[in-house]
Amino acid sequence: MRALIQRVKKAEVAVDGEVIGSIGPGMLVLLGVAADDTEWDVQWLAQKTANLRIFDDGAGKMNLSLLDTGGEALIVSQFTLYGDCRRGRRPSFDKAAPPDRAEALYKLFVEQMKRLGVRTATGRFQAMMNVTLENSGPVTVLVESESARPQEKTSG
């Protein structure tokens, strides 16, 4: 699971000209789901996202999390985060989860963020969306659960 996280002053997402989700200060989370992601990835990434210290403290250092600041999260599904551009000129999306699996894990991620106490807004899964944001910083980070997965033990 991948999250491209941008610290924002405000952000909104519209479908067919209608704003369906908007936030004030917080983060825009573009969320991609891989074919091999599980609930473990959702739990890990939600915890990491909510506790990621990318907001300034009183001394101007990035020392506070979304939970510390009481900020909001706009969570938008983004399967193109798994676009592989190493070959040819058209990205391959083979590593992205199929839509039904991706939607279930996307919704679970949103619910987990809410359980952690984050006020959330969302886009609409598989819709053509227009996202508008006002960056703060700008601060943009990529967080991936794959690198944090526990390694399976092998005997031998």
N, C-alpha and C. Protein backbone atom coordinates (compact mmCIF):
# COMPACT_ATOMS: atom_id res chain seq x y z
N MET A 1 0.86 -1.16 0.00
CA MET A 1 0.00 0.00 0.00
C MET A 1 0.90 1.23 0.00
N ARG A 2 0.53 2.19 -0.81
CA ARG A 2 1.31 3.43 -0.92
C ARG A 2 0.42 4.62 -0.62
N ALA A 3 1.00 5.57 0.11
CA ALA A 3 0.32 6.83 0.36
C ALA A 3 1.26 7.96 -0.02
N LEU A 4 0.82 8.79 -0.94
CA LEU A 4 1.52 10.02 -1.24
C LEU A 4 0.81 11.09 -0.43
N ILE A 5 1.53 11.64 0.54
CA ILE A 5 0.93 12.53 1.53
C ILE A 5 1.44 13.95 1.32
N GLN A 6 0.51 14.89 1.21
CA GLN A 6 0.87 16.29 1.07
C GLN A 6 0.27 17.07 2.22
N ARG A 7 1.10 17.86 2.88
CA ARG A 7 0.62 18.76 3.93
C ARG A 7 -0.09 19.92 3.25
N VAL A 8 -1.31 20.20 3.67
CA VAL A 8 -2.11 21.22 3.00
C VAL A 8 -2.72 22.22 3.98
N LYS A 9 -2.99 23.40 3.46
CA LYS A 9 -3.78 24.39 4.20
C LYS A 9 -5.25 24.10 4.02
N LYS A 10 -5.58 23.59 2.79
CA LYS A 10 -6.94 23.16 2.49
C LYS A 10 -6.89 22.31 1.24
N ALA A 11 -7.91 21.48 1.06
CA ALA A 11 -8.00 20.63 -0.12
C ALA A 11 -9.46 20.23 -0.31
N GLU A 12 -9.79 19.97 -1.58
CA GLU A 12 -11.14 19.49 -1.88
C GLU A 12 -11.10 18.61 -3.11
N VAL A 13 -12.11 17.76 -3.20
CA VAL A 13 -12.26 16.87 -4.35
C VAL A 13 -13.67 17.03 -4.89
N ALA A 14 -13.76 17.13 -6.23
CA ALA A 14 -15.05 17.30 -6.89
C ALA A 14 -15.25 16.20 -7.93
N VAL A 15 -16.49 15.81 -8.10
CA VAL A 15 -16.90 14.86 -9.14
C VAL A 15 -18.03 15.53 -9.91
N ASP A 16 -17.88 15.59 -11.23
CA ASP A 16 -18.88 16.23 -12.10
C ASP A 16 -19.22 17.65 -11.62
N GLY A 17 -18.20 18.38 -11.19
CA GLY A 17 -18.39 19.77 -10.77
C GLY A 17 -18.93 19.96 -9.37
N GLU A 18 -19.25 18.87 -8.67
CA GLU A 18 -19.79 18.96 -7.31
C GLU A 18 -18.71 18.56 -6.31
N VAL A 19 -18.46 19.46 -5.33
CA VAL A 19 -17.49 19.14 -4.28
C VAL A 19 -18.10 18.07 -3.39
N ILE A 20 -17.37 16.94 -3.26
CA ILE A 20 -17.89 15.84 -2.45
C ILE A 20 -17.07 15.64 -1.19
N GLY A 21 -15.93 16.30 -1.09
CA GLY A 21 -15.09 16.20 0.10
C GLY A 21 -14.18 17.40 0.20
N SER A 22 -14.07 17.99 1.39
CA SER A 22 -13.15 19.11 1.57
C SER A 22 -12.65 19.12 3.01
N ILE A 23 -11.43 19.65 3.15
CA ILE A 23 -10.82 19.76 4.48
C ILE A 23 -10.14 21.12 4.61
N GLY A 24 -9.89 21.48 5.87
CA GLY A 24 -9.06 22.63 6.18
C GLY A 24 -7.64 22.15 6.37
N PRO A 25 -6.90 22.72 7.28
CA PRO A 25 -5.51 22.31 7.48
C PRO A 25 -5.40 20.82 7.82
N GLY A 26 -4.41 20.18 7.19
CA GLY A 26 -4.20 18.75 7.42
C GLY A 26 -3.39 18.15 6.32
N MET A 27 -3.86 17.00 5.81
CA MET A 27 -3.12 16.33 4.75
C MET A 27 -4.04 15.75 3.70
N LEU A 28 -3.55 15.82 2.46
CA LEU A 28 -4.17 15.12 1.35
C LEU A 28 -3.43 13.80 1.24
N VAL A 29 -4.17 12.69 1.26
CA VAL A 29 -3.59 11.36 1.17
C VAL A 29 -4.07 10.73 -0.13
N LEU A 30 -3.15 10.57 -1.09
CA LEU A 30 -3.45 9.83 -2.30
C LEU A 30 -3.06 8.39 -2.01
N LEU A 31 -4.02 7.47 -2.05
CA LEU A 31 -3.82 6.12 -1.56
C LEU A 31 -3.90 5.10 -2.69
N GLY A 32 -2.82 4.32 -2.84
CA GLY A 32 -2.78 3.25 -3.82
C GLY A 32 -2.73 1.91 -3.12
N VAL A 33 -3.48 0.94 -3.65
CA VAL A 33 -3.55 -0.39 -3.06
C VAL A 33 -2.92 -1.39 -4.02
N ALA A 34 -1.99 -2.18 -3.52
CA ALA A 34 -1.32 -3.20 -4.32
C ALA A 34 -2.10 -4.51 -4.28
N ALA A 35 -1.86 -5.34 -5.28
CA ALA A 35 -2.57 -6.62 -5.39
C ALA A 35 -2.33 -7.52 -4.18
N ASP A 36 -1.14 -7.42 -3.55
CA ASP A 36 -0.84 -8.31 -2.42
C ASP A 36 -1.05 -7.66 -1.05
N ASP A 37 -1.69 -6.50 -1.01
CA ASP A 37 -1.95 -5.85 0.28
C ASP A 37 -2.99 -6.61 1.08
N THR A 38 -2.86 -6.49 2.41
CA THR A 38 -3.77 -7.15 3.34
C THR A 38 -4.23 -6.13 4.38
N GLU A 39 -5.02 -6.61 5.33
CA GLU A 39 -5.45 -5.74 6.42
C GLU A 39 -4.26 -5.27 7.25
N TRP A 40 -3.20 -6.07 7.29
CA TRP A 40 -2.00 -5.63 8.01
C TRP A 40 -1.47 -4.34 7.41
N ASP A 41 -1.43 -4.25 6.08
CA ASP A 41 -0.94 -3.05 5.40
C ASP A 41 -1.81 -1.84 5.74
N VAL A 42 -3.12 -2.06 5.78
CA VAL A 42 -4.05 -0.98 6.12
C VAL A 42 -3.77 -0.46 7.52
N GLN A 43 -3.68 -1.38 8.49
CA GLN A 43 -3.45 -0.98 9.89
C GLN A 43 -2.13 -0.24 10.03
N TRP A 44 -1.09 -0.78 9.43
CA TRP A 44 0.24 -0.18 9.55
C TRP A 44 0.25 1.21 8.92
N LEU A 45 -0.30 1.34 7.72
CA LEU A 45 -0.26 2.61 7.01
C LEU A 45 -1.14 3.66 7.67
N ALA A 46 -2.28 3.27 8.20
CA ALA A 46 -3.14 4.23 8.90
C ALA A 46 -2.43 4.75 10.15
N GLN A 47 -1.82 3.86 10.92
CA GLN A 47 -1.07 4.29 12.11
C GLN A 47 0.07 5.24 11.72
N LYS A 48 0.80 4.88 10.69
CA LYS A 48 1.93 5.69 10.23
C LYS A 48 1.45 7.06 9.77
N THR A 49 0.38 7.08 9.00
CA THR A 49 -0.14 8.33 8.45
C THR A 49 -0.64 9.26 9.55
N ALA A 50 -1.45 8.75 10.45
CA ALA A 50 -2.02 9.58 11.51
C ALA A 50 -0.95 10.12 12.46
N ASN A 51 0.14 9.38 12.61
CA ASN A 51 1.19 9.76 13.56
C ASN A 51 2.43 10.36 12.90
N LEU A 52 2.39 10.54 11.58
CA LEU A 52 3.54 11.09 10.86
C LEU A 52 3.77 12.54 11.27
N ARG A 53 4.96 12.82 11.73
CA ARG A 53 5.26 14.17 12.25
C ARG A 53 5.76 15.07 11.12
N ILE A 54 4.80 15.68 10.42
CA ILE A 54 5.13 16.58 9.32
C ILE A 54 4.58 17.99 9.53
N PHE A 55 4.07 18.26 10.73
CA PHE A 55 3.52 19.58 11.03
C PHE A 55 4.43 20.30 12.01
N ASP A 56 4.53 21.61 11.83
CA ASP A 56 5.45 22.42 12.64
C ASP A 56 4.98 22.57 14.08
N ASP A 57 5.96 22.52 14.98
CA ASP A 57 5.70 22.82 16.39
C ASP A 57 5.93 24.32 16.61
N GLY A 58 5.92 24.76 17.84
CA GLY A 58 6.11 26.17 18.18
C GLY A 58 7.45 26.72 17.76
N ALA A 59 8.45 25.84 17.60
CA ALA A 59 9.78 26.26 17.19
C ALA A 59 9.96 26.18 15.68
N GLY A 60 8.91 25.83 14.94
CA GLY A 60 9.00 25.75 13.50
C GLY A 60 9.62 24.46 12.98
N LYS A 61 9.73 23.45 13.84
CA LYS A 61 10.28 22.15 13.41
C LYS A 61 9.14 21.18 13.15
N MET A 62 9.32 20.31 12.15
CA MET A 62 8.30 19.30 11.88
C MET A 62 8.37 18.27 13.00
N ASN A 63 7.50 18.46 13.97
CA ASN A 63 7.55 17.65 15.18
C ASN A 63 6.16 17.20 15.63
N LEU A 64 5.12 17.59 14.89
CA LEU A 64 3.76 17.27 15.30
C LEU A 64 3.06 16.42 14.25
N SER A 65 2.17 15.57 14.70
CA SER A 65 1.40 14.71 13.81
C SER A 65 0.02 15.30 13.54
N LEU A 66 -0.71 14.66 12.67
CA LEU A 66 -2.09 15.03 12.39
C LEU A 66 -2.92 14.93 13.67
N LEU A 67 -2.66 13.90 14.47
CA LEU A 67 -3.38 13.74 15.72
C LEU A 67 -3.04 14.84 16.71
N ASP A 68 -1.77 15.27 16.73
CA ASP A 68 -1.34 16.34 17.63
C ASP A 68 -2.00 17.67 17.27
N THR A 69 -2.14 17.94 15.97
CA THR A 69 -2.65 19.23 15.52
C THR A 69 -4.17 19.27 15.40
N GLY A 70 -4.81 18.11 15.41
CA GLY A 70 -6.25 18.07 15.20
C GLY A 70 -6.63 18.34 13.75
N GLY A 71 -5.67 18.16 12.84
CA GLY A 71 -5.93 18.39 11.42
C GLY A 71 -6.80 17.31 10.81
N GLU A 72 -7.17 17.54 9.57
CA GLU A 72 -8.06 16.64 8.85
C GLU A 72 -7.31 15.92 7.74
N ALA A 73 -7.92 14.87 7.20
CA ALA A 73 -7.33 14.14 6.08
C ALA A 73 -8.35 13.99 4.97
N LEU A 74 -7.94 14.36 3.76
CA LEU A 74 -8.72 14.09 2.57
C LEU A 74 -8.07 12.88 1.91
N ILE A 75 -8.80 11.77 1.84
CA ILE A 75 -8.24 10.50 1.35
C ILE A 75 -8.86 10.19 0.00
N VAL A 76 -7.99 10.09 -1.02
CA VAL A 76 -8.42 9.91 -2.39
C VAL A 76 -7.76 8.66 -2.96
N SER A 77 -8.56 7.75 -3.50
CA SER A 77 -7.99 6.54 -4.10
C SER A 77 -7.19 6.92 -5.34
N GLN A 78 -6.05 6.24 -5.53
CA GLN A 78 -5.12 6.62 -6.60
C GLN A 78 -4.37 5.39 -7.09
N PHE A 79 -5.02 4.56 -7.91
CA PHE A 79 -4.38 3.33 -8.37
C PHE A 79 -3.12 3.62 -9.19
N THR A 80 -3.02 4.81 -9.78
CA THR A 80 -1.86 5.12 -10.61
C THR A 80 -0.57 5.23 -9.81
N LEU A 81 -0.66 5.21 -8.49
CA LEU A 81 0.57 5.17 -7.68
C LEU A 81 1.32 3.87 -7.91
N TYR A 82 0.65 2.87 -8.46
CA TYR A 82 1.31 1.62 -8.78
C TYR A 82 1.63 1.50 -10.27
N GLY A 83 1.67 2.62 -10.96
CA GLY A 83 2.06 2.62 -12.36
C GLY A 83 3.56 2.38 -12.49
N ASP A 84 3.94 1.37 -13.24
CA ASP A 84 5.34 1.03 -13.47
C ASP A 84 5.73 1.61 -14.83
N CYS A 85 6.64 2.57 -14.81
CA CYS A 85 7.04 3.28 -16.02
C CYS A 85 8.43 2.90 -16.51
N ARG A 86 8.96 1.79 -16.02
CA ARG A 86 10.33 1.41 -16.38
C ARG A 86 10.46 0.98 -17.83
N ARG A 87 9.41 0.45 -18.41
CA ARG A 87 9.49 -0.03 -19.80
C ARG A 87 8.45 0.70 -20.64
N GLY A 88 8.83 1.00 -21.84
CA GLY A 88 7.89 1.62 -22.77
C GLY A 88 7.48 3.00 -22.33
N ARG A 89 6.39 3.46 -22.92
CA ARG A 89 5.91 4.82 -22.64
C ARG A 89 4.55 4.84 -21.97
N ARG A 90 3.94 3.68 -21.83
CA ARG A 90 2.65 3.59 -21.15
C ARG A 90 2.86 2.84 -19.85
N PRO A 91 2.42 3.42 -18.72
CA PRO A 91 2.60 2.72 -17.45
C PRO A 91 1.85 1.39 -17.42
N SER A 92 2.43 0.44 -16.72
CA SER A 92 1.78 -0.84 -16.46
C SER A 92 1.22 -0.78 -15.05
N PHE A 93 0.01 -1.25 -14.88
CA PHE A 93 -0.63 -1.22 -13.57
C PHE A 93 -0.83 -2.63 -13.02
N ASP A 94 0.01 -3.56 -13.43
CA ASP A 94 -0.10 -4.95 -13.00
C ASP A 94 -0.02 -5.14 -11.50
N LYS A 95 0.69 -4.27 -10.79
CA LYS A 95 0.85 -4.44 -9.35
C LYS A 95 -0.31 -3.85 -8.54
N ALA A 96 -1.16 -3.08 -9.20
CA ALA A 96 -2.31 -2.50 -8.51
C ALA A 96 -3.35 -3.59 -8.24
N ALA A 97 -4.04 -3.44 -7.13
CA ALA A 97 -5.10 -4.40 -6.78
C ALA A 97 -6.28 -4.26 -7.74
N PRO A 98 -7.00 -5.37 -7.99
CA PRO A 98 -8.22 -5.26 -8.79
C PRO A 98 -9.22 -4.36 -8.06
N PRO A 99 -10.11 -3.71 -8.80
CA PRO A 99 -10.99 -2.70 -8.20
C PRO A 99 -11.76 -3.14 -6.95
N ASP A 100 -12.34 -4.34 -6.95
CA ASP A 100 -13.14 -4.76 -5.79
C ASP A 100 -12.27 -4.88 -4.54
N ARG A 101 -11.11 -5.46 -4.68
CA ARG A 101 -10.17 -5.60 -3.54
C ARG A 101 -9.65 -4.24 -3.11
N ALA A 102 -9.28 -3.41 -4.08
CA ALA A 102 -8.76 -2.08 -3.77
C ALA A 102 -9.81 -1.24 -3.02
N GLU A 103 -11.05 -1.30 -3.48
CA GLU A 103 -12.10 -0.51 -2.83
C GLU A 103 -12.31 -0.95 -1.38
N ALA A 104 -12.32 -2.25 -1.15
CA ALA A 104 -12.51 -2.76 0.22
C ALA A 104 -11.39 -2.28 1.14
N LEU A 105 -10.14 -2.35 0.68
CA LEU A 105 -9.02 -1.93 1.53
C LEU A 105 -8.96 -0.42 1.66
N TYR A 106 -9.35 0.31 0.62
CA TYR A 106 -9.44 1.77 0.69
C TYR A 106 -10.45 2.18 1.77
N LYS A 107 -11.64 1.57 1.73
CA LYS A 107 -12.67 1.89 2.73
C LYS A 107 -12.21 1.52 4.14
N LEU A 108 -11.51 0.41 4.26
CA LEU A 108 -10.98 0.00 5.56
C LEU A 108 -9.96 1.01 6.06
N PHE A 109 -9.11 1.52 5.17
CA PHE A 109 -8.14 2.55 5.55
C PHE A 109 -8.86 3.81 6.07
N VAL A 110 -9.88 4.24 5.37
CA VAL A 110 -10.65 5.42 5.80
C VAL A 110 -11.25 5.18 7.18
N GLU A 111 -11.84 4.00 7.38
CA GLU A 111 -12.44 3.68 8.68
C GLU A 111 -11.39 3.64 9.79
N GLN A 112 -10.23 3.08 9.48
CA GLN A 112 -9.16 3.02 10.48
C GLN A 112 -8.70 4.42 10.86
N MET A 113 -8.58 5.31 9.89
CA MET A 113 -8.19 6.69 10.19
C MET A 113 -9.23 7.35 11.11
N LYS A 114 -10.50 7.10 10.84
CA LYS A 114 -11.56 7.63 11.69
C LYS A 114 -11.45 7.06 13.11
N ARG A 115 -11.20 5.75 13.21
CA ARG A 115 -11.06 5.11 14.53
C ARG A 115 -9.90 5.72 15.32
N LEU A 116 -8.87 6.15 14.61
CA LEU A 116 -7.73 6.78 15.27
C LEU A 116 -8.02 8.21 15.70
N GLY A 117 -9.17 8.72 15.32
CA GLY A 117 -9.56 10.07 15.75
C GLY A 117 -9.32 11.15 14.72
N VAL A 118 -9.07 10.77 13.47
CA VAL A 118 -8.82 11.74 12.41
C VAL A 118 -10.13 12.08 11.70
N ARG A 119 -10.43 13.36 11.61
CA ARG A 119 -11.58 13.79 10.81
C ARG A 119 -11.20 13.59 9.35
N THR A 120 -12.06 12.90 8.60
CA THR A 120 -11.72 12.55 7.23
C THR A 120 -12.80 13.00 6.25
N ALA A 121 -12.35 13.21 5.03
CA ALA A 121 -13.23 13.40 3.88
C ALA A 121 -12.65 12.51 2.79
N THR A 122 -13.47 12.15 1.81
CA THR A 122 -12.99 11.23 0.78
C THR A 122 -13.44 11.67 -0.60
N GLY A 123 -12.80 11.05 -1.57
CA GLY A 123 -13.25 11.15 -2.95
C GLY A 123 -14.26 10.05 -3.20
N ARG A 124 -14.49 9.73 -4.48
CA ARG A 124 -15.41 8.66 -4.85
C ARG A 124 -14.59 7.63 -5.62
N PHE A 125 -14.60 6.41 -5.14
CA PHE A 125 -13.80 5.35 -5.72
C PHE A 125 -14.15 5.17 -7.19
N GLN A 126 -13.15 5.07 -8.04
CA GLN A 126 -13.24 4.86 -9.49
C GLN A 126 -13.91 5.99 -10.25
N ALA A 127 -14.12 7.14 -9.64
CA ALA A 127 -14.71 8.28 -10.35
C ALA A 127 -13.59 9.15 -10.92
N MET A 128 -13.91 9.90 -11.95
CA MET A 128 -13.00 10.92 -12.45
C MET A 128 -13.14 12.10 -11.49
N MET A 129 -12.06 12.40 -10.79
CA MET A 129 -12.11 13.42 -9.75
C MET A 129 -11.18 14.57 -10.08
N ASN A 130 -11.58 15.76 -9.65
CA ASN A 130 -10.72 16.94 -9.71
C ASN A 130 -10.34 17.29 -8.28
N VAL A 131 -9.05 17.26 -8.00
CA VAL A 131 -8.55 17.54 -6.66
C VAL A 131 -7.87 18.90 -6.68
N THR A 132 -8.27 19.75 -5.76
CA THR A 132 -7.69 21.08 -5.62
C THR A 132 -7.08 21.17 -4.23
N LEU A 133 -5.86 21.69 -4.17
CA LEU A 133 -5.21 21.80 -2.86
C LEU A 133 -4.35 23.04 -2.79
N GLU A 134 -4.15 23.48 -1.58
CA GLU A 134 -3.20 24.53 -1.30
C GLU A 134 -2.13 23.92 -0.40
N ASN A 135 -0.96 23.68 -1.01
CA ASN A 135 0.14 23.06 -0.27
C ASN A 135 0.59 23.96 0.87
N SER A 136 1.10 23.33 1.88
CA SER A 136 1.71 24.04 3.01
C SER A 136 3.16 23.58 3.08
N GLY A 137 4.06 24.42 2.67
CA GLY A 137 5.50 24.08 2.70
C GLY A 137 6.18 24.35 1.39
N PRO A 138 6.02 23.56 0.39
CA PRO A 138 5.27 22.30 0.34
C PRO A 138 6.01 21.16 1.06
N VAL A 139 5.22 20.28 1.62
CA VAL A 139 5.74 19.06 2.24
C VAL A 139 5.01 17.90 1.59
N THR A 140 5.77 17.00 0.95
CA THR A 140 5.20 15.83 0.29
C THR A 140 6.08 14.63 0.62
N VAL A 141 5.45 13.55 1.11
CA VAL A 141 6.20 12.34 1.44
C VAL A 141 5.47 11.12 0.89
N LEU A 142 6.26 10.09 0.56
CA LEU A 142 5.72 8.83 0.10
C LEU A 142 5.96 7.79 1.18
N VAL A 143 4.88 7.12 1.60
CA VAL A 143 4.98 6.09 2.63
C VAL A 143 4.47 4.78 2.03
N GLU A 144 5.24 3.71 2.20
CA GLU A 144 4.88 2.41 1.64
C GLU A 144 4.90 1.35 2.73
N SER A 145 3.85 0.56 2.80
CA SER A 145 3.78 -0.49 3.81
C SER A 145 4.65 -1.68 3.46
N GLU A 146 4.89 -1.90 2.18
CA GLU A 146 5.63 -3.08 1.73
C GLU A 146 6.99 -3.20 2.41
N SER A 147 7.68 -2.08 2.55
CA SER A 147 9.02 -2.13 3.15
C SER A 147 8.98 -2.41 4.65
N ALA A 148 7.82 -2.27 5.27
CA ALA A 148 7.70 -2.48 6.71
C ALA A 148 7.11 -3.84 7.06
N ARG A 149 6.67 -4.59 6.07
CA ARG A 149 6.06 -5.89 6.35
C ARG A 149 7.03 -6.81 7.06
N PRO A 150 6.53 -7.56 8.04
CA PRO A 150 7.39 -8.54 8.70
C PRO A 150 7.84 -9.59 7.69
N GLN A 151 9.07 -9.96 7.77
CA GLN A 151 9.60 -10.99 6.88
C GLN A 151 9.17 -12.35 7.37
N GLU A 152 8.77 -13.20 6.44
CA GLU A 152 8.39 -14.56 6.83
C GLU A 152 9.65 -15.33 7.18
N LYS A 153 9.57 -16.09 8.23
CA LYS A 153 10.71 -16.89 8.64
C LYS A 153 10.81 -18.13 7.77
N THR A 154 12.01 -18.45 7.40
CA THR A 154 12.21 -19.66 6.61
C THR A 154 13.04 -20.64 7.44
N SER A 155 12.73 -21.89 7.30
CA SER A 155 13.52 -22.88 8.04
C SER A 155 14.67 -23.34 7.16
N GLY A 156 15.71 -23.76 7.79
CA GLY A 156 16.79 -24.27 6.98
C GLY A 156 18.12 -24.03 7.51
